[in-house]
């Protein structure tokens, strides 16, 4: 099963993708995690991405698409993966389609987590306070507001793109973690039958 989880920052995409990896063996592919790892490693991509990410801006498409293309071609992704935080723009969605076509892979579903913007600030601040590793650089009110503006302007249209392809499904991201997981599981199980 090859999925994309869409939703604004703080919607729970990472939590749900991690569950899918643990429960169903679908490799979690988080561009944010991959880019943060590159920053921590001090790699060339990490150095390019570091300042951009700290300000809540989107990393340029060429960098992100290259990271994703390399990752989905690795053997552990052959049996399924969940893209978490990608694509974030229409250009990335179109580039992903080309990468998938070139590799003979197709998406089974794109699942959008619908969440109220007002609830996201509470989620982000809670995540920052509870993180055992300390807060992420972008877990603050100012960065969240910027990230939400960017999301609504650049990422929300991606849902329409996948809706036009007939593979978009939406879930109530305001439900608790278990409730969201159940909605996602129902979609996956429906696709498998």
N, C-alpha and C. Protein backbone atom coordinates (compact mmCIF):
# COMPACT_ATOMS: atom_id res chain seq x y z
N UNK A 1 0.85 -1.17 0.00
CA UNK A 1 0.00 0.00 0.00
C UNK A 1 0.90 1.24 0.00
N UNK A 2 0.64 2.12 -0.94
CA UNK A 2 1.40 3.37 -1.05
C UNK A 2 0.44 4.53 -0.82
N UNK A 3 0.70 5.28 0.26
CA UNK A 3 -0.20 6.36 0.68
C UNK A 3 0.53 7.68 0.80
N UNK A 4 -0.28 8.74 0.73
CA UNK A 4 0.16 10.07 1.13
C UNK A 4 -0.78 10.51 2.24
N UNK A 5 -0.23 11.07 3.31
CA UNK A 5 -1.04 11.72 4.33
C UNK A 5 -0.87 13.22 4.15
N UNK A 6 -1.98 13.91 3.91
CA UNK A 6 -2.00 15.36 3.76
C UNK A 6 -2.65 15.98 4.98
N UNK A 7 -2.25 17.19 5.30
CA UNK A 7 -2.87 17.93 6.39
C UNK A 7 -1.94 19.02 6.85
N UNK A 8 -2.49 20.00 7.55
CA UNK A 8 -1.67 21.12 8.01
C UNK A 8 -0.68 20.68 9.08
N UNK A 9 0.30 21.54 9.37
CA UNK A 9 1.26 21.21 10.43
C UNK A 9 0.54 20.97 11.75
N UNK A 10 0.91 19.91 12.44
CA UNK A 10 0.28 19.59 13.71
C UNK A 10 -0.97 18.75 13.59
N UNK A 11 -1.34 18.33 12.37
CA UNK A 11 -2.56 17.56 12.17
C UNK A 11 -2.44 16.12 12.65
N UNK A 12 -1.21 15.65 12.83
CA UNK A 12 -1.01 14.28 13.29
C UNK A 12 -0.53 13.32 12.21
N UNK A 13 -0.06 13.87 11.09
CA UNK A 13 0.40 13.01 10.00
C UNK A 13 1.54 12.09 10.46
N UNK A 14 2.48 12.63 11.19
CA UNK A 14 3.62 11.85 11.64
C UNK A 14 3.22 10.74 12.60
N UNK A 15 2.32 11.06 13.50
CA UNK A 15 1.83 10.06 14.46
C UNK A 15 1.15 8.91 13.71
N UNK A 16 0.31 9.26 12.77
CA UNK A 16 -0.43 8.22 12.04
C UNK A 16 0.50 7.42 11.12
N UNK A 17 1.46 8.09 10.49
CA UNK A 17 2.40 7.37 9.62
C UNK A 17 3.25 6.40 10.44
N UNK A 18 3.65 6.81 11.64
CA UNK A 18 4.43 5.93 12.52
C UNK A 18 3.59 4.71 12.92
N UNK A 19 2.31 4.91 13.19
CA UNK A 19 1.43 3.79 13.52
C UNK A 19 1.32 2.81 12.35
N UNK A 20 1.19 3.37 11.14
CA UNK A 20 1.08 2.51 9.97
C UNK A 20 2.36 1.68 9.77
N UNK A 21 3.49 2.29 10.07
CA UNK A 21 4.74 1.54 9.97
C UNK A 21 4.78 0.42 11.02
N UNK A 22 4.43 0.74 12.26
CA UNK A 22 4.45 -0.25 13.34
C UNK A 22 3.43 -1.36 13.12
N UNK A 23 2.22 -0.99 12.70
CA UNK A 23 1.13 -1.96 12.64
C UNK A 23 1.00 -2.67 11.31
N UNK A 24 1.44 -2.01 10.22
CA UNK A 24 1.23 -2.59 8.90
C UNK A 24 2.51 -2.72 8.07
N UNK A 25 3.63 -2.29 8.64
CA UNK A 25 4.91 -2.41 7.93
C UNK A 25 5.08 -1.43 6.78
N UNK A 26 4.25 -0.41 6.74
CA UNK A 26 4.35 0.61 5.68
C UNK A 26 5.40 1.64 6.12
N UNK A 27 6.50 1.71 5.41
CA UNK A 27 7.61 2.56 5.79
C UNK A 27 7.18 4.03 5.83
N UNK A 28 7.45 4.69 6.95
CA UNK A 28 7.12 6.11 7.09
C UNK A 28 8.20 6.93 6.41
N UNK A 29 7.80 7.70 5.42
CA UNK A 29 8.71 8.58 4.71
C UNK A 29 8.32 10.02 5.01
N UNK A 30 8.99 10.59 5.98
CA UNK A 30 8.73 11.96 6.39
C UNK A 30 9.81 12.86 5.83
N UNK A 31 9.41 13.74 4.92
CA UNK A 31 10.41 14.65 4.36
C UNK A 31 10.99 15.52 5.47
N UNK A 32 10.14 15.90 6.41
CA UNK A 32 10.63 16.71 7.52
C UNK A 32 11.71 15.99 8.30
N UNK A 33 11.46 14.71 8.62
CA UNK A 33 12.46 13.92 9.35
C UNK A 33 13.72 13.72 8.52
N UNK A 34 13.54 13.42 7.23
CA UNK A 34 14.71 13.22 6.37
C UNK A 34 15.54 14.50 6.27
N UNK A 35 14.86 15.63 6.15
CA UNK A 35 15.57 16.90 6.06
C UNK A 35 16.21 17.27 7.40
N UNK A 36 15.50 17.03 8.53
CA UNK A 36 16.10 17.31 9.84
C UNK A 36 17.32 16.43 10.08
N UNK A 37 17.27 15.19 9.61
CA UNK A 37 18.43 14.30 9.74
C UNK A 37 19.60 14.85 8.91
N UNK A 38 19.30 15.37 7.73
CA UNK A 38 20.36 15.95 6.89
C UNK A 38 20.97 17.17 7.57
N UNK A 39 20.14 17.97 8.25
CA UNK A 39 20.65 19.13 8.99
C UNK A 39 21.57 18.65 10.12
N UNK A 40 21.12 17.66 10.87
CA UNK A 40 21.90 17.14 12.00
C UNK A 40 23.24 16.54 11.53
N UNK A 41 23.21 15.91 10.35
CA UNK A 41 24.43 15.32 9.80
C UNK A 41 25.37 16.38 9.24
N UNK A 42 24.82 17.57 8.97
CA UNK A 42 25.64 18.62 8.37
C UNK A 42 25.91 18.39 6.90
N UNK A 43 25.05 17.59 6.25
CA UNK A 43 25.23 17.31 4.83
C UNK A 43 24.97 18.58 4.01
N UNK A 44 25.31 18.50 2.74
CA UNK A 44 25.11 19.65 1.85
C UNK A 44 23.63 20.03 1.80
N UNK A 45 22.76 19.03 1.65
CA UNK A 45 21.32 19.29 1.63
C UNK A 45 20.88 19.88 2.97
N UNK A 46 21.42 19.35 4.06
CA UNK A 46 21.08 19.85 5.39
C UNK A 46 21.45 21.31 5.57
N UNK A 47 22.62 21.68 5.09
CA UNK A 47 23.04 23.08 5.20
C UNK A 47 22.13 24.00 4.39
N UNK A 48 21.72 23.53 3.22
CA UNK A 48 20.81 24.33 2.40
C UNK A 48 19.44 24.48 3.07
N UNK A 49 18.97 23.39 3.69
CA UNK A 49 17.62 23.37 4.25
C UNK A 49 17.51 24.03 5.62
N UNK A 50 18.59 24.08 6.39
CA UNK A 50 18.53 24.48 7.79
C UNK A 50 17.89 25.85 8.01
N UNK A 51 18.39 26.86 7.36
CA UNK A 51 17.86 28.21 7.56
C UNK A 51 16.43 28.34 7.06
N UNK A 52 16.14 27.68 5.96
CA UNK A 52 14.79 27.73 5.38
C UNK A 52 13.78 27.14 6.36
N UNK A 53 14.09 25.97 6.91
CA UNK A 53 13.17 25.28 7.81
C UNK A 53 12.97 26.05 9.12
N UNK A 54 14.01 26.67 9.63
CA UNK A 54 13.92 27.39 10.91
C UNK A 54 12.94 28.56 10.82
N UNK A 55 12.72 29.07 9.62
CA UNK A 55 11.79 30.18 9.44
C UNK A 55 10.40 29.72 8.99
N UNK A 56 10.17 28.42 8.98
CA UNK A 56 8.85 27.90 8.60
C UNK A 56 8.60 27.94 7.11
N UNK A 57 9.63 28.11 6.31
CA UNK A 57 9.49 28.18 4.85
C UNK A 57 9.61 26.77 4.27
N UNK A 58 9.17 26.63 3.03
CA UNK A 58 9.28 25.35 2.35
C UNK A 58 10.65 25.20 1.70
N UNK A 59 11.23 24.03 1.85
CA UNK A 59 12.50 23.71 1.20
C UNK A 59 12.22 23.61 -0.31
N UNK A 60 13.12 24.11 -1.15
CA UNK A 60 12.88 24.08 -2.60
C UNK A 60 12.58 22.67 -3.13
N UNK A 61 11.70 22.64 -4.12
CA UNK A 61 11.21 21.38 -4.67
C UNK A 61 12.32 20.46 -5.14
N UNK A 62 13.31 20.99 -5.81
CA UNK A 62 14.37 20.14 -6.35
C UNK A 62 15.06 19.33 -5.27
N UNK A 63 15.29 19.94 -4.13
CA UNK A 63 15.94 19.24 -3.01
C UNK A 63 15.03 18.15 -2.47
N UNK A 64 13.78 18.50 -2.22
CA UNK A 64 12.84 17.55 -1.61
C UNK A 64 12.54 16.39 -2.56
N UNK A 65 12.31 16.69 -3.82
CA UNK A 65 11.99 15.64 -4.79
C UNK A 65 13.16 14.67 -4.92
N UNK A 66 14.38 15.19 -4.91
CA UNK A 66 15.56 14.33 -4.97
C UNK A 66 15.65 13.40 -3.78
N UNK A 67 15.37 13.93 -2.59
CA UNK A 67 15.41 13.11 -1.38
C UNK A 67 14.36 12.00 -1.45
N UNK A 68 13.15 12.35 -1.86
CA UNK A 68 12.05 11.36 -1.95
C UNK A 68 12.34 10.33 -3.03
N UNK A 69 12.77 10.77 -4.19
CA UNK A 69 13.04 9.85 -5.29
C UNK A 69 14.06 8.79 -4.89
N UNK A 70 15.13 9.23 -4.23
CA UNK A 70 16.15 8.29 -3.78
C UNK A 70 15.59 7.33 -2.74
N UNK A 71 14.75 7.83 -1.85
CA UNK A 71 14.26 7.01 -0.74
C UNK A 71 13.26 5.95 -1.19
N UNK A 72 12.31 6.30 -2.07
CA UNK A 72 11.28 5.32 -2.44
C UNK A 72 11.83 4.21 -3.33
N UNK A 73 13.02 4.41 -3.87
CA UNK A 73 13.62 3.35 -4.68
C UNK A 73 14.39 2.34 -3.84
N UNK A 74 14.47 2.56 -2.52
CA UNK A 74 15.17 1.62 -1.65
C UNK A 74 14.30 0.38 -1.40
N UNK A 75 14.92 -0.78 -1.23
CA UNK A 75 14.17 -2.04 -1.14
C UNK A 75 13.10 -2.08 -0.04
N UNK A 76 13.33 -1.41 1.09
CA UNK A 76 12.35 -1.50 2.18
C UNK A 76 11.03 -0.81 1.85
N UNK A 77 10.98 -0.02 0.78
CA UNK A 77 9.74 0.65 0.39
C UNK A 77 8.92 -0.16 -0.61
N UNK A 78 9.46 -1.27 -1.07
CA UNK A 78 8.78 -2.06 -2.10
C UNK A 78 7.42 -2.57 -1.67
N UNK A 79 7.26 -2.89 -0.38
CA UNK A 79 5.99 -3.44 0.10
C UNK A 79 5.03 -2.40 0.64
N UNK A 80 5.41 -1.14 0.58
CA UNK A 80 4.49 -0.09 1.00
C UNK A 80 5.17 1.01 1.78
N UNK A 81 4.62 2.19 1.63
CA UNK A 81 5.14 3.35 2.35
C UNK A 81 4.04 4.38 2.53
N UNK A 82 4.30 5.28 3.46
CA UNK A 82 3.41 6.40 3.70
C UNK A 82 4.23 7.67 3.61
N UNK A 83 3.90 8.52 2.66
CA UNK A 83 4.56 9.82 2.54
C UNK A 83 3.90 10.77 3.53
N UNK A 84 4.69 11.32 4.40
CA UNK A 84 4.23 12.20 5.47
C UNK A 84 4.89 13.56 5.28
N UNK A 85 4.10 14.55 4.86
CA UNK A 85 4.65 15.89 4.66
C UNK A 85 5.11 16.14 3.24
N UNK A 86 4.74 15.29 2.32
CA UNK A 86 5.09 15.44 0.91
C UNK A 86 4.01 14.78 0.08
N UNK A 87 3.58 15.40 -0.99
CA UNK A 87 4.00 16.66 -1.57
C UNK A 87 3.35 17.86 -0.87
N UNK A 88 4.04 18.97 -0.88
CA UNK A 88 3.54 20.20 -0.25
C UNK A 88 3.11 21.25 -1.25
N UNK A 89 3.39 21.02 -2.52
CA UNK A 89 2.99 21.97 -3.57
C UNK A 89 2.49 21.17 -4.77
N UNK A 90 1.76 21.85 -5.66
CA UNK A 90 1.32 21.19 -6.89
C UNK A 90 2.51 20.73 -7.71
N UNK A 91 3.56 21.55 -7.76
CA UNK A 91 4.76 21.17 -8.53
C UNK A 91 5.37 19.88 -7.96
N UNK A 92 5.39 19.74 -6.62
CA UNK A 92 5.90 18.53 -6.01
C UNK A 92 5.00 17.33 -6.33
N UNK A 93 3.69 17.54 -6.31
CA UNK A 93 2.76 16.46 -6.63
C UNK A 93 2.97 15.98 -8.06
N UNK A 94 3.15 16.92 -8.97
CA UNK A 94 3.39 16.57 -10.37
C UNK A 94 4.74 15.86 -10.51
N UNK A 95 5.76 16.35 -9.79
CA UNK A 95 7.08 15.70 -9.83
C UNK A 95 7.01 14.30 -9.25
N UNK A 96 6.25 14.13 -8.17
CA UNK A 96 6.07 12.80 -7.57
C UNK A 96 5.41 11.87 -8.57
N UNK A 97 4.40 12.34 -9.27
CA UNK A 97 3.75 11.50 -10.29
C UNK A 97 4.77 11.02 -11.32
N UNK A 98 5.67 11.90 -11.74
CA UNK A 98 6.70 11.51 -12.72
C UNK A 98 7.66 10.47 -12.12
N UNK A 99 8.08 10.69 -10.87
CA UNK A 99 8.98 9.74 -10.20
C UNK A 99 8.29 8.38 -10.08
N UNK A 100 7.04 8.38 -9.66
CA UNK A 100 6.31 7.12 -9.49
C UNK A 100 6.13 6.42 -10.83
N UNK A 101 5.80 7.19 -11.85
CA UNK A 101 5.64 6.61 -13.19
C UNK A 101 6.95 5.98 -13.66
N UNK A 102 8.05 6.69 -13.44
CA UNK A 102 9.36 6.19 -13.86
C UNK A 102 9.75 4.90 -13.13
N UNK A 103 9.26 4.75 -11.89
CA UNK A 103 9.61 3.56 -11.11
C UNK A 103 8.52 2.48 -11.17
N UNK A 104 7.43 2.74 -11.89
CA UNK A 104 6.37 1.75 -12.02
C UNK A 104 5.53 1.58 -10.77
N UNK A 105 5.52 2.61 -9.92
CA UNK A 105 4.77 2.57 -8.67
C UNK A 105 3.56 3.49 -8.81
N UNK A 106 2.45 3.11 -8.19
CA UNK A 106 1.28 4.00 -8.18
C UNK A 106 0.77 4.16 -6.76
N UNK A 107 0.15 5.29 -6.51
CA UNK A 107 -0.43 5.55 -5.19
C UNK A 107 -1.76 4.82 -5.06
N UNK A 108 -2.01 4.29 -3.87
CA UNK A 108 -3.28 3.64 -3.60
C UNK A 108 -4.30 4.65 -3.08
N UNK A 109 -3.84 5.62 -2.30
CA UNK A 109 -4.75 6.63 -1.74
C UNK A 109 -3.97 7.82 -1.22
N UNK A 110 -4.65 8.94 -1.20
CA UNK A 110 -4.17 10.15 -0.55
C UNK A 110 -5.20 10.46 0.52
N UNK A 111 -4.76 10.51 1.77
CA UNK A 111 -5.68 10.72 2.89
C UNK A 111 -5.41 12.07 3.51
N UNK A 112 -6.43 12.90 3.50
CA UNK A 112 -6.33 14.27 4.05
C UNK A 112 -6.89 14.28 5.46
N UNK A 113 -6.08 14.73 6.42
CA UNK A 113 -6.53 14.90 7.80
C UNK A 113 -7.07 16.31 7.94
N UNK A 114 -8.38 16.41 8.09
CA UNK A 114 -9.03 17.72 8.22
C UNK A 114 -8.98 18.15 9.68
N UNK A 115 -8.35 19.31 9.93
CA UNK A 115 -8.18 19.80 11.30
C UNK A 115 -8.47 21.30 11.33
N UNK A 116 -9.10 21.75 12.40
CA UNK A 116 -9.40 23.16 12.62
C UNK A 116 -8.11 23.91 12.95
N UNK A 117 -7.85 25.01 12.26
CA UNK A 117 -6.62 25.78 12.48
C UNK A 117 -6.45 26.20 13.94
N UNK A 118 -7.54 26.59 14.59
CA UNK A 118 -7.44 27.07 15.97
C UNK A 118 -6.93 25.98 16.91
N UNK A 119 -7.27 24.72 16.63
CA UNK A 119 -6.83 23.62 17.48
C UNK A 119 -5.35 23.29 17.28
N UNK A 120 -4.81 23.69 16.13
CA UNK A 120 -3.43 23.32 15.82
C UNK A 120 -2.41 23.98 16.74
N UNK A 121 -2.65 25.23 17.12
CA UNK A 121 -1.70 25.92 18.00
C UNK A 121 -1.57 25.16 19.31
N UNK A 122 -2.69 24.74 19.88
CA UNK A 122 -2.63 23.96 21.13
C UNK A 122 -1.84 22.67 20.93
N UNK A 123 -2.06 21.99 19.81
CA UNK A 123 -1.34 20.75 19.54
C UNK A 123 0.16 21.00 19.43
N UNK A 124 0.53 22.05 18.71
CA UNK A 124 1.96 22.35 18.50
C UNK A 124 2.63 22.71 19.82
N UNK A 125 1.97 23.54 20.62
CA UNK A 125 2.56 23.94 21.90
C UNK A 125 2.67 22.75 22.85
N UNK A 126 1.68 21.87 22.81
CA UNK A 126 1.73 20.65 23.63
C UNK A 126 2.87 19.75 23.17
N UNK A 127 3.00 19.59 21.85
CA UNK A 127 4.09 18.76 21.30
C UNK A 127 5.44 19.32 21.73
N UNK A 128 5.59 20.65 21.69
CA UNK A 128 6.85 21.28 22.08
C UNK A 128 7.16 21.04 23.55
N UNK A 129 6.12 21.14 24.40
CA UNK A 129 6.32 20.97 25.84
C UNK A 129 6.60 19.52 26.22
N UNK A 130 6.04 18.56 25.47
CA UNK A 130 6.15 17.16 25.85
C UNK A 130 7.27 16.41 25.14
N UNK A 131 7.93 17.03 24.18
CA UNK A 131 8.95 16.32 23.42
C UNK A 131 10.15 15.98 24.30
N UNK A 132 10.53 14.70 24.37
CA UNK A 132 11.69 14.31 25.18
C UNK A 132 13.00 14.84 24.60
N UNK A 133 13.00 15.17 23.34
CA UNK A 133 14.21 15.68 22.68
C UNK A 133 14.24 17.22 22.65
N UNK A 134 13.27 17.84 23.29
CA UNK A 134 13.17 19.30 23.23
C UNK A 134 12.35 19.71 22.03
N UNK A 135 11.88 20.95 22.04
CA UNK A 135 11.02 21.40 20.94
C UNK A 135 11.78 21.52 19.63
N UNK A 136 11.06 21.29 18.53
CA UNK A 136 11.62 21.55 17.21
C UNK A 136 11.75 23.06 17.05
N UNK A 137 12.63 23.50 16.18
CA UNK A 137 12.85 24.94 15.96
C UNK A 137 11.59 25.64 15.48
N UNK A 138 10.71 24.89 14.80
CA UNK A 138 9.50 25.51 14.25
C UNK A 138 8.25 25.25 15.09
N UNK A 139 8.42 24.76 16.33
CA UNK A 139 7.29 24.53 17.23
C UNK A 139 7.05 25.76 18.10
N UNK A 140 6.60 26.82 17.48
CA UNK A 140 6.25 28.04 18.21
C UNK A 140 5.14 28.75 17.45
N UNK A 141 4.47 29.67 18.13
CA UNK A 141 3.28 30.30 17.56
C UNK A 141 3.58 31.05 16.27
N UNK A 142 4.65 31.80 16.24
CA UNK A 142 4.97 32.60 15.04
C UNK A 142 5.25 31.69 13.84
N UNK A 143 6.06 30.66 14.04
CA UNK A 143 6.38 29.74 12.94
C UNK A 143 5.13 28.98 12.50
N UNK A 144 4.26 28.60 13.46
CA UNK A 144 3.04 27.88 13.08
C UNK A 144 2.15 28.75 12.21
N UNK A 145 1.97 30.02 12.60
CA UNK A 145 1.13 30.91 11.79
C UNK A 145 1.67 31.02 10.37
N UNK A 146 2.98 31.14 10.24
CA UNK A 146 3.61 31.22 8.93
C UNK A 146 3.40 29.91 8.18
N UNK A 147 3.60 28.78 8.86
CA UNK A 147 3.44 27.48 8.23
C UNK A 147 1.99 27.25 7.79
N UNK A 148 1.02 27.73 8.57
CA UNK A 148 -0.39 27.60 8.17
C UNK A 148 -0.69 28.45 6.94
N UNK A 149 -0.15 29.66 6.90
CA UNK A 149 -0.33 30.50 5.71
C UNK A 149 0.22 29.81 4.47
N UNK A 150 1.42 29.27 4.61
CA UNK A 150 2.05 28.56 3.50
C UNK A 150 1.22 27.33 3.13
N UNK A 151 0.74 26.61 4.14
CA UNK A 151 -0.07 25.42 3.88
C UNK A 151 -1.32 25.77 3.07
N UNK A 152 -2.06 26.77 3.52
CA UNK A 152 -3.31 27.11 2.83
C UNK A 152 -3.06 27.63 1.42
N UNK A 153 -1.97 28.35 1.23
CA UNK A 153 -1.67 28.90 -0.09
C UNK A 153 -1.09 27.86 -1.04
N UNK A 154 -0.22 26.99 -0.53
CA UNK A 154 0.52 26.11 -1.43
C UNK A 154 0.19 24.64 -1.32
N UNK A 155 -0.18 24.15 -0.13
CA UNK A 155 -0.40 22.72 0.04
C UNK A 155 -1.86 22.33 -0.09
N UNK A 156 -2.77 23.14 0.41
CA UNK A 156 -4.19 22.79 0.32
C UNK A 156 -4.63 22.49 -1.12
N UNK A 157 -4.13 23.20 -2.14
CA UNK A 157 -4.51 22.87 -3.51
C UNK A 157 -4.09 21.47 -3.97
N UNK A 158 -3.14 20.87 -3.28
CA UNK A 158 -2.71 19.51 -3.63
C UNK A 158 -3.88 18.54 -3.43
N UNK A 159 -4.73 18.81 -2.44
CA UNK A 159 -5.89 17.94 -2.21
C UNK A 159 -6.80 17.93 -3.43
N UNK A 160 -7.02 19.09 -4.02
CA UNK A 160 -7.86 19.17 -5.23
C UNK A 160 -7.23 18.40 -6.38
N UNK A 161 -5.91 18.46 -6.47
CA UNK A 161 -5.17 17.74 -7.52
C UNK A 161 -5.44 16.24 -7.42
N UNK A 162 -5.33 15.70 -6.20
CA UNK A 162 -5.55 14.27 -6.02
C UNK A 162 -7.04 13.91 -6.06
N UNK A 163 -7.90 14.83 -5.68
CA UNK A 163 -9.33 14.60 -5.81
C UNK A 163 -9.70 14.41 -7.28
N UNK A 164 -9.10 15.23 -8.14
CA UNK A 164 -9.35 15.12 -9.58
C UNK A 164 -8.89 13.76 -10.13
N UNK A 165 -7.91 13.14 -9.47
CA UNK A 165 -7.43 11.81 -9.88
C UNK A 165 -8.29 10.70 -9.27
N UNK A 166 -9.20 11.07 -8.37
CA UNK A 166 -10.09 10.09 -7.76
C UNK A 166 -9.48 9.28 -6.63
N UNK A 167 -8.36 9.75 -6.06
CA UNK A 167 -7.71 8.96 -5.00
C UNK A 167 -7.70 9.68 -3.65
N UNK A 168 -8.33 10.85 -3.55
CA UNK A 168 -8.35 11.58 -2.29
C UNK A 168 -9.48 11.09 -1.40
N UNK A 169 -9.15 10.86 -0.14
CA UNK A 169 -10.13 10.57 0.90
C UNK A 169 -9.84 11.49 2.07
N UNK A 170 -10.86 11.92 2.77
CA UNK A 170 -10.68 12.80 3.93
C UNK A 170 -11.13 12.10 5.20
N UNK A 171 -10.42 12.40 6.30
CA UNK A 171 -10.80 11.89 7.61
C UNK A 171 -10.90 13.07 8.57
N UNK A 172 -11.63 12.85 9.65
CA UNK A 172 -11.78 13.88 10.69
C UNK A 172 -10.55 13.87 11.58
N UNK A 173 -9.62 14.79 11.31
CA UNK A 173 -8.40 14.88 12.07
C UNK A 173 -8.58 15.45 13.46
N UNK A 174 -9.80 15.90 13.78
CA UNK A 174 -10.10 16.43 15.12
C UNK A 174 -10.43 15.30 16.09
N UNK A 175 -10.63 14.09 15.57
CA UNK A 175 -10.87 12.95 16.44
C UNK A 175 -9.60 12.65 17.22
N UNK A 176 -9.71 11.82 18.26
CA UNK A 176 -8.50 11.46 19.00
C UNK A 176 -7.62 10.56 18.12
N UNK A 177 -6.42 10.29 18.58
CA UNK A 177 -5.45 9.52 17.78
C UNK A 177 -6.03 8.18 17.35
N UNK A 178 -6.70 7.49 18.27
CA UNK A 178 -7.29 6.19 17.94
C UNK A 178 -8.39 6.33 16.89
N UNK A 179 -9.20 7.39 17.03
CA UNK A 179 -10.29 7.60 16.09
C UNK A 179 -9.78 7.90 14.69
N UNK A 180 -8.73 8.70 14.58
CA UNK A 180 -8.13 8.99 13.28
C UNK A 180 -7.52 7.72 12.70
N UNK A 181 -6.82 6.95 13.54
CA UNK A 181 -6.21 5.70 13.08
C UNK A 181 -7.27 4.74 12.54
N UNK A 182 -8.42 4.67 13.20
CA UNK A 182 -9.51 3.78 12.75
C UNK A 182 -10.03 4.22 11.39
N UNK A 183 -10.20 5.54 11.20
CA UNK A 183 -10.67 6.04 9.91
C UNK A 183 -9.68 5.69 8.79
N UNK A 184 -8.39 5.86 9.08
CA UNK A 184 -7.37 5.54 8.08
C UNK A 184 -7.34 4.04 7.80
N UNK A 185 -7.43 3.23 8.85
CA UNK A 185 -7.45 1.77 8.68
C UNK A 185 -8.62 1.34 7.82
N UNK A 186 -9.77 1.96 8.03
CA UNK A 186 -10.96 1.62 7.23
C UNK A 186 -10.72 1.90 5.75
N UNK A 187 -10.06 3.02 5.45
CA UNK A 187 -9.76 3.36 4.05
C UNK A 187 -8.80 2.34 3.45
N UNK A 188 -7.75 2.01 4.20
CA UNK A 188 -6.77 1.03 3.71
C UNK A 188 -7.43 -0.32 3.48
N UNK A 189 -8.22 -0.76 4.44
CA UNK A 189 -8.88 -2.06 4.31
C UNK A 189 -9.84 -2.08 3.13
N UNK A 190 -10.52 -0.98 2.90
CA UNK A 190 -11.43 -0.86 1.76
C UNK A 190 -10.66 -0.96 0.45
N UNK A 191 -9.48 -0.33 0.39
CA UNK A 191 -8.67 -0.36 -0.83
C UNK A 191 -8.10 -1.76 -1.11
N UNK A 192 -7.89 -2.52 -0.05
CA UNK A 192 -7.31 -3.86 -0.20
C UNK A 192 -8.34 -4.90 -0.63
N UNK A 193 -9.61 -4.57 -0.52
CA UNK A 193 -10.64 -5.56 -0.88
C UNK A 193 -11.08 -5.43 -2.32
